[in-house]
PDB file of N, CA and C in Angstrom:
ATOM      1  N   UNK A   1       7.839  16.950  -1.132  1.00  0.00           N
ATOM      2  CA  UNK A   1       7.345  15.638  -1.498  1.00  0.00           C
ATOM      3  C   UNK A   1       6.999  15.647  -2.989  1.00  0.00           C
ATOM      4  N   UNK A   2       7.312  14.571  -3.647  1.00  0.00           N
ATOM      5  CA  UNK A   2       7.033  14.453  -5.081  1.00  0.00           C
ATOM      6  C   UNK A   2       5.529  14.337  -5.316  1.00  0.00           C
ATOM      7  N   UNK A   3       5.046  14.846  -6.435  1.00  0.00           N
ATOM      8  CA  UNK A   3       3.615  14.702  -6.737  1.00  0.00           C
ATOM      9  C   UNK A   3       3.255  13.233  -6.911  1.00  0.00           C
ATOM     10  N   UNK A   4       2.041  12.901  -6.543  1.00  0.00           N
ATOM     11  CA  UNK A   4       1.584  11.515  -6.686  1.00  0.00           C
ATOM     12  C   UNK A   4       0.859  11.360  -8.017  1.00  0.00           C
ATOM     13  N   UNK A   5       0.964  10.197  -8.563  1.00  0.00           N
ATOM     14  CA  UNK A   5       0.297   9.883  -9.816  1.00  0.00           C
ATOM     15  C   UNK A   5      -0.514   8.620  -9.607  1.00  0.00           C
ATOM     16  N   UNK A   6      -1.816   8.720  -9.816  1.00  0.00           N
ATOM     17  CA  UNK A   6      -2.666   7.553  -9.645  1.00  0.00           C
ATOM     18  C   UNK A   6      -2.466   6.566 -10.787  1.00  0.00           C
ATOM     19  N   UNK A   7      -2.626   5.302 -10.486  1.00  0.00           N
ATOM     20  CA  UNK A   7      -2.588   4.292 -11.546  1.00  0.00           C
ATOM     21  C   UNK A   7      -3.699   4.555 -12.555  1.00  0.00           C
ATOM     22  N   UNK A   8      -3.553   3.990 -13.750  1.00  0.00           N
ATOM     23  CA  UNK A   8      -4.578   4.207 -14.768  1.00  0.00           C
ATOM     24  C   UNK A   8      -5.251   2.918 -15.208  1.00  0.00           C
ATOM     25  N   UNK A   9      -4.545   1.813 -15.226  1.00  0.00           N
ATOM     26  CA  UNK A   9      -5.143   0.551 -15.666  1.00  0.00           C
ATOM     27  C   UNK A   9      -5.529  -0.294 -14.456  1.00  0.00           C
ATOM     28  N   UNK A  10      -6.380  -1.290 -14.685  1.00  0.00           N
ATOM     29  CA  UNK A  10      -6.752  -2.198 -13.596  1.00  0.00           C
ATOM     30  C   UNK A  10      -5.529  -2.905 -13.028  1.00  0.00           C
ATOM     31  N   UNK A  11      -4.603  -3.296 -13.890  1.00  0.00           N
ATOM     32  CA  UNK A  11      -3.388  -3.989 -13.425  1.00  0.00           C
ATOM     33  C   UNK A  11      -2.544  -3.054 -12.552  1.00  0.00           C
ATOM     34  N   UNK A  12      -2.438  -1.794 -12.949  1.00  0.00           N
ATOM     35  CA  UNK A  12      -1.690  -0.828 -12.140  1.00  0.00           C
ATOM     36  C   UNK A  12      -2.375  -0.596 -10.803  1.00  0.00           C
ATOM     37  N   UNK A  13      -3.699  -0.519 -10.812  1.00  0.00           N
ATOM     38  CA  UNK A  13      -4.436  -0.347  -9.566  1.00  0.00           C
ATOM     39  C   UNK A  13      -4.239  -1.551  -8.657  1.00  0.00           C
ATOM     40  N   UNK A  14      -4.270  -2.757  -9.218  1.00  0.00           N
ATOM     41  CA  UNK A  14      -4.081  -3.953  -8.390  1.00  0.00           C
ATOM     42  C   UNK A  14      -2.700  -3.933  -7.744  1.00  0.00           C
ATOM     43  N   UNK A  15      -1.693  -3.585  -8.513  1.00  0.00           N
ATOM     44  CA  UNK A  15      -0.334  -3.524  -7.968  1.00  0.00           C
ATOM     45  C   UNK A  15      -0.235  -2.452  -6.878  1.00  0.00           C
ATOM     46  N   UNK A  16      -0.829  -1.289  -7.121  1.00  0.00           N
ATOM     47  CA  UNK A  16      -0.774  -0.204  -6.142  1.00  0.00           C
ATOM     48  C   UNK A  16      -1.493  -0.588  -4.850  1.00  0.00           C
ATOM     49  N   UNK A  17      -2.655  -1.215  -4.973  1.00  0.00           N
ATOM     50  CA  UNK A  17      -3.421  -1.638  -3.802  1.00  0.00           C
ATOM     51  C   UNK A  17      -2.649  -2.700  -3.016  1.00  0.00           C
ATOM     52  N   UNK A  18      -2.079  -3.652  -3.723  1.00  0.00           N
ATOM     53  CA  UNK A  18      -1.300  -4.700  -3.050  1.00  0.00           C
ATOM     54  C   UNK A  18      -0.102  -4.110  -2.316  1.00  0.00           C
ATOM     55  N   UNK A  19       0.601  -3.187  -2.961  1.00  0.00           N
ATOM     56  CA  UNK A  19       1.771  -2.583  -2.328  1.00  0.00           C
ATOM     57  C   UNK A  19       1.376  -1.668  -1.171  1.00  0.00           C
ATOM     58  N   UNK A  20       0.259  -0.984  -1.286  1.00  0.00           N
ATOM     59  CA  UNK A  20      -0.219  -0.154  -0.171  1.00  0.00           C
ATOM     60  C   UNK A  20      -0.497  -1.038   1.043  1.00  0.00           C
ATOM     61  N   UNK A  21      -1.111  -2.173   0.823  1.00  0.00           N
ATOM     62  CA  UNK A  21      -1.384  -3.119   1.913  1.00  0.00           C
ATOM     63  C   UNK A  21      -0.069  -3.599   2.544  1.00  0.00           C
ATOM     64  N   UNK A  22       0.891  -3.924   1.695  1.00  0.00           N
ATOM     65  CA  UNK A  22       2.195  -4.388   2.183  1.00  0.00           C
ATOM     66  C   UNK A  22       2.878  -3.311   3.025  1.00  0.00           C
ATOM     67  N   UNK A  23       2.894  -2.071   2.533  1.00  0.00           N
ATOM     68  CA  UNK A  23       3.574  -1.006   3.271  1.00  0.00           C
ATOM     69  C   UNK A  23       2.868  -0.666   4.575  1.00  0.00           C
ATOM     70  N   UNK A  24       1.552  -0.812   4.627  1.00  0.00           N
ATOM     71  CA  UNK A  24       0.864  -0.622   5.910  1.00  0.00           C
ATOM     72  C   UNK A  24       1.249  -1.708   6.897  1.00  0.00           C
ATOM     73  N   UNK A  25       1.442  -2.911   6.407  1.00  0.00           N
ATOM     74  CA  UNK A  25       1.914  -3.998   7.270  1.00  0.00           C
ATOM     75  C   UNK A  25       3.322  -3.692   7.793  1.00  0.00           C
ATOM     76  N   UNK A  26       4.203  -3.234   6.907  1.00  0.00           N
ATOM     77  CA  UNK A  26       5.566  -2.870   7.315  1.00  0.00           C
ATOM     78  C   UNK A  26       5.506  -1.796   8.405  1.00  0.00           C
ATOM     79  N   UNK A  27       4.659  -0.801   8.222  1.00  0.00           N
ATOM     80  CA  UNK A  27       4.536   0.268   9.210  1.00  0.00           C
ATOM     81  C   UNK A  27       4.044  -0.286  10.543  1.00  0.00           C
ATOM     82  N   UNK A  28       3.069  -1.184  10.509  1.00  0.00           N
ATOM     83  CA  UNK A  28       2.546  -1.778  11.742  1.00  0.00           C
ATOM     84  C   UNK A  28       3.612  -2.591  12.462  1.00  0.00           C
ATOM     85  N   UNK A  29       4.355  -3.372  11.714  1.00  0.00           N
ATOM     86  CA  UNK A  29       5.407  -4.197  12.307  1.00  0.00           C
ATOM     87  C   UNK A  29       6.468  -3.295  12.953  1.00  0.00           C
ATOM     88  N   UNK A  30       6.779  -2.202  12.294  1.00  0.00           N
ATOM     89  CA  UNK A  30       7.753  -1.252  12.852  1.00  0.00           C
ATOM     90  C   UNK A  30       7.207  -0.623  14.138  1.00  0.00           C
ATOM     91  N   UNK A  31       5.924  -0.260  14.141  1.00  0.00           N
ATOM     92  CA  UNK A  31       5.329   0.344  15.338  1.00  0.00           C
ATOM     93  C   UNK A  31       5.340  -0.626  16.518  1.00  0.00           C
ATOM     94  N   UNK A  32       5.201  -1.914  16.255  1.00  0.00           N
ATOM     95  CA  UNK A  32       5.254  -2.927  17.307  1.00  0.00           C
ATOM     96  C   UNK A  32       6.681  -3.210  17.754  1.00  0.00           C
ATOM     97  N   UNK A  33       7.662  -2.628  17.070  1.00  0.00           N
ATOM     98  CA  UNK A  33       9.047  -2.805  17.448  1.00  0.00           C
ATOM     99  C   UNK A  33       9.688  -4.078  16.943  1.00  0.00           C
ATOM    100  N   UNK A  34       9.044  -4.743  15.998  1.00  0.00           N
ATOM    101  CA  UNK A  34       9.582  -6.004  15.482  1.00  0.00           C
ATOM    102  C   UNK A  34      10.680  -5.790  14.448  1.00  0.00           C
ATOM    103  N   UNK A  35      10.703  -4.624  13.810  1.00  0.00           N
ATOM    104  CA  UNK A  35      11.769  -4.256  12.880  1.00  0.00           C
ATOM    105  C   UNK A  35      12.117  -2.791  13.121  1.00  0.00           C
ATOM    106  N   UNK A  36      13.304  -2.416  12.693  1.00  0.00           N
ATOM    107  CA  UNK A  36      13.731  -1.029  12.817  1.00  0.00           C
ATOM    108  C   UNK A  36      14.330  -0.590  11.491  1.00  0.00           C
ATOM    109  N   UNK A  37      14.265   0.707  11.247  1.00  0.00           N
ATOM    110  CA  UNK A  37      14.862   1.247  10.038  1.00  0.00           C
ATOM    111  C   UNK A  37      13.964   1.124   8.836  1.00  0.00           C
ATOM    112  N   UNK A  38      14.554   1.379   7.690  1.00  0.00           N
ATOM    113  CA  UNK A  38      13.813   1.328   6.439  1.00  0.00           C
ATOM    114  C   UNK A  38      13.194   2.667   6.105  1.00  0.00           C
ATOM    115  N   UNK A  39      12.587   2.759   4.936  1.00  0.00           N
ATOM    116  CA  UNK A  39      11.996   4.031   4.501  1.00  0.00           C
ATOM    117  C   UNK A  39      10.739   4.371   5.304  1.00  0.00           C
ATOM    118  N   UNK A  40      10.450   5.659   5.367  1.00  0.00           N
ATOM    119  CA  UNK A  40       9.201   6.091   5.996  1.00  0.00           C
ATOM    120  C   UNK A  40       8.033   5.636   5.137  1.00  0.00           C
ATOM    121  N   UNK A  41       6.947   5.259   5.796  1.00  0.00           N
ATOM    122  CA  UNK A  41       5.738   4.831   5.095  1.00  0.00           C
ATOM    123  C   UNK A  41       4.752   5.991   5.111  1.00  0.00           C
ATOM    124  N   UNK A  42       4.245   6.347   3.952  1.00  0.00           N
ATOM    125  CA  UNK A  42       3.223   7.389   3.843  1.00  0.00           C
ATOM    126  C   UNK A  42       1.867   6.721   4.064  1.00  0.00           C
ATOM    127  N   UNK A  43       1.502   6.614   5.331  1.00  0.00           N
ATOM    128  CA  UNK A  43       0.283   5.894   5.707  1.00  0.00           C
ATOM    129  C   UNK A  43      -0.946   6.515   5.057  1.00  0.00           C
ATOM    130  N   UNK A  44      -1.025   7.823   5.054  1.00  0.00           N
ATOM    131  CA  UNK A  44      -2.194   8.491   4.467  1.00  0.00           C
ATOM    132  C   UNK A  44      -2.327   8.145   2.984  1.00  0.00           C
ATOM    133  N   UNK A  45      -1.211   8.131   2.260  1.00  0.00           N
ATOM    134  CA  UNK A  45      -1.254   7.798   0.823  1.00  0.00           C
ATOM    135  C   UNK A  45      -1.661   6.339   0.634  1.00  0.00           C
ATOM    136  N   UNK A  46      -1.131   5.446   1.474  1.00  0.00           N
ATOM    137  CA  UNK A  46      -1.514   4.037   1.371  1.00  0.00           C
ATOM    138  C   UNK A  46      -3.014   3.874   1.592  1.00  0.00           C
ATOM    139  N   UNK A  47      -3.547   4.550   2.604  1.00  0.00           N
ATOM    140  CA  UNK A  47      -4.983   4.468   2.875  1.00  0.00           C
ATOM    141  C   UNK A  47      -5.792   5.064   1.732  1.00  0.00           C
ATOM    142  N   UNK A  48      -5.290   6.140   1.163  1.00  0.00           N
ATOM    143  CA  UNK A  48      -5.959   6.769   0.012  1.00  0.00           C
ATOM    144  C   UNK A  48      -6.011   5.797  -1.176  1.00  0.00           C
ATOM    145  N   UNK A  49      -4.921   5.118  -1.437  1.00  0.00           N
ATOM    146  CA  UNK A  49      -4.872   4.139  -2.540  1.00  0.00           C
ATOM    147  C   UNK A  49      -5.834   2.997  -2.274  1.00  0.00           C
ATOM    148  N   UNK A  50      -5.880   2.509  -1.042  1.00  0.00           N
ATOM    149  CA  UNK A  50      -6.799   1.414  -0.719  1.00  0.00           C
ATOM    150  C   UNK A  50      -8.260   1.835  -0.905  1.00  0.00           C
ATOM    151  N   UNK A  51      -8.588   3.061  -0.477  1.00  0.00           N
ATOM    152  CA  UNK A  51      -9.971   3.556  -0.655  1.00  0.00           C
ATOM    153  C   UNK A  51     -10.308   3.715  -2.129  1.00  0.00           C
ATOM    154  N   UNK A  52      -9.395   4.309  -2.891  1.00  0.00           N
ATOM    155  CA  UNK A  52      -9.655   4.531  -4.314  1.00  0.00           C
ATOM    156  C   UNK A  52      -9.751   3.199  -5.053  1.00  0.00           C
ATOM    157  N   UNK A  53      -8.927   2.248  -4.682  1.00  0.00           N
ATOM    158  CA  UNK A  53      -9.004   0.921  -5.285  1.00  0.00           C
ATOM    159  C   UNK A  53     -10.341   0.258  -4.976  1.00  0.00           C
ATOM    160  N   UNK A  54     -10.760   0.345  -3.719  1.00  0.00           N
ATOM    161  CA  UNK A  54     -12.043  -0.251  -3.323  1.00  0.00           C
ATOM    162  C   UNK A  54     -13.198   0.379  -4.089  1.00  0.00           C
ATOM    163  N   UNK A  55     -13.124   1.687  -4.332  1.00  0.00           N
ATOM    164  CA  UNK A  55     -14.157   2.366  -5.126  1.00  0.00           C
ATOM    165  C   UNK A  55     -14.239   1.799  -6.542  1.00  0.00           C
ATOM    166  N   UNK A  56     -13.124   1.230  -7.007  1.00  0.00           N
ATOM    167  CA  UNK A  56     -13.073   0.627  -8.344  1.00  0.00           C
ATOM    168  C   UNK A  56     -13.279  -0.888  -8.288  1.00  0.00           C
ATOM    169  N   UNK A  57     -13.559  -1.403  -7.107  1.00  0.00           N
ATOM    170  CA  UNK A  57     -13.766  -2.839  -6.949  1.00  0.00           C
ATOM    171  C   UNK A  57     -12.469  -3.628  -6.850  1.00  0.00           C
ATOM    172  N   UNK A  58     -11.377  -2.953  -6.543  1.00  0.00           N
ATOM    173  CA  UNK A  58     -10.077  -3.617  -6.460  1.00  0.00           C
ATOM    174  C   UNK A  58      -9.634  -3.632  -5.004  1.00  0.00           C
ATOM    175  N   UNK A  59      -9.401  -4.822  -4.489  1.00  0.00           N
ATOM    176  CA  UNK A  59      -8.969  -5.013  -3.109  1.00  0.00           C
ATOM    177  C   UNK A  59      -7.654  -5.776  -3.107  1.00  0.00           C
ATOM    178  N   UNK A  60      -6.924  -5.714  -1.997  1.00  0.00           N
ATOM    179  CA  UNK A  60      -5.651  -6.434  -1.943  1.00  0.00           C
ATOM    180  C   UNK A  60      -5.852  -7.928  -2.143  1.00  0.00           C
ATOM    181  N   UNK A  61      -4.950  -8.526  -2.892  1.00  0.00           N
ATOM    182  CA  UNK A  61      -4.970  -9.973  -3.055  1.00  0.00           C
ATOM    183  C   UNK A  61      -4.631 -10.595  -1.702  1.00  0.00           C
ATOM    184  N   UNK A  62      -5.099 -11.806  -1.448  1.00  0.00           N
ATOM    185  CA  UNK A  62      -4.806 -12.445  -0.140  1.00  0.00           C
ATOM    186  C   UNK A  62      -3.304 -12.551   0.140  1.00  0.00           C
ATOM    187  N   UNK A  63      -2.485 -12.676  -0.885  1.00  0.00           N
ATOM    188  CA  UNK A  63      -1.045 -12.805  -0.668  1.00  0.00           C
ATOM    189  C   UNK A  63      -0.310 -11.471  -0.777  1.00  0.00           C
ATOM    190  N   UNK A  64      -1.043 -10.349  -0.768  1.00  0.00           N
ATOM    191  CA  UNK A  64      -0.426  -9.035  -0.983  1.00  0.00           C
ATOM    192  C   UNK A  64       0.644  -8.734   0.058  1.00  0.00           C
ATOM    193  N   UNK A  65       0.451  -9.216   1.285  1.00  0.00           N
ATOM    194  CA  UNK A  65       1.410  -8.908   2.334  1.00  0.00           C
ATOM    195  C   UNK A  65       2.722  -9.675   2.129  1.00  0.00           C
ATOM    196  N   UNK A  66       2.734 -10.618   1.238  1.00  0.00           N
ATOM    197  CA  UNK A  66       3.951 -11.388   0.978  1.00  0.00           C
ATOM    198  C   UNK A  66       4.742 -10.839  -0.187  1.00  0.00           C
ATOM    199  N   UNK A  67       4.192  -9.833  -0.864  1.00  0.00           N
ATOM    200  CA  UNK A  67       4.888  -9.239  -2.011  1.00  0.00           C
ATOM    201  C   UNK A  67       6.030  -8.357  -1.543  1.00  0.00           C
ATOM    202  N   UNK A  68       6.856  -7.981  -2.459  1.00  0.00           N
ATOM    203  CA  UNK A  68       7.862  -7.017  -2.081  1.00  0.00           C
ATOM    204  C   UNK A  68       9.163  -7.190  -2.742  1.00  0.00           C
TER     205      UNK A  68
END
């Protein structure tokens, strides 16, 4: 697995948090059987990004699940 690099700016953190939220949604939809295929989702990394973002006061935007 490639090394992870944390975002450095607030804008990068916002993008990372939004995308982590989106990929967790994709993973959930796949688990429910509504979609098949696509890349594997690193759930632990997504959760780590969401926690680190929250520690910085950055949470997913309400429309984050619509990004992509």
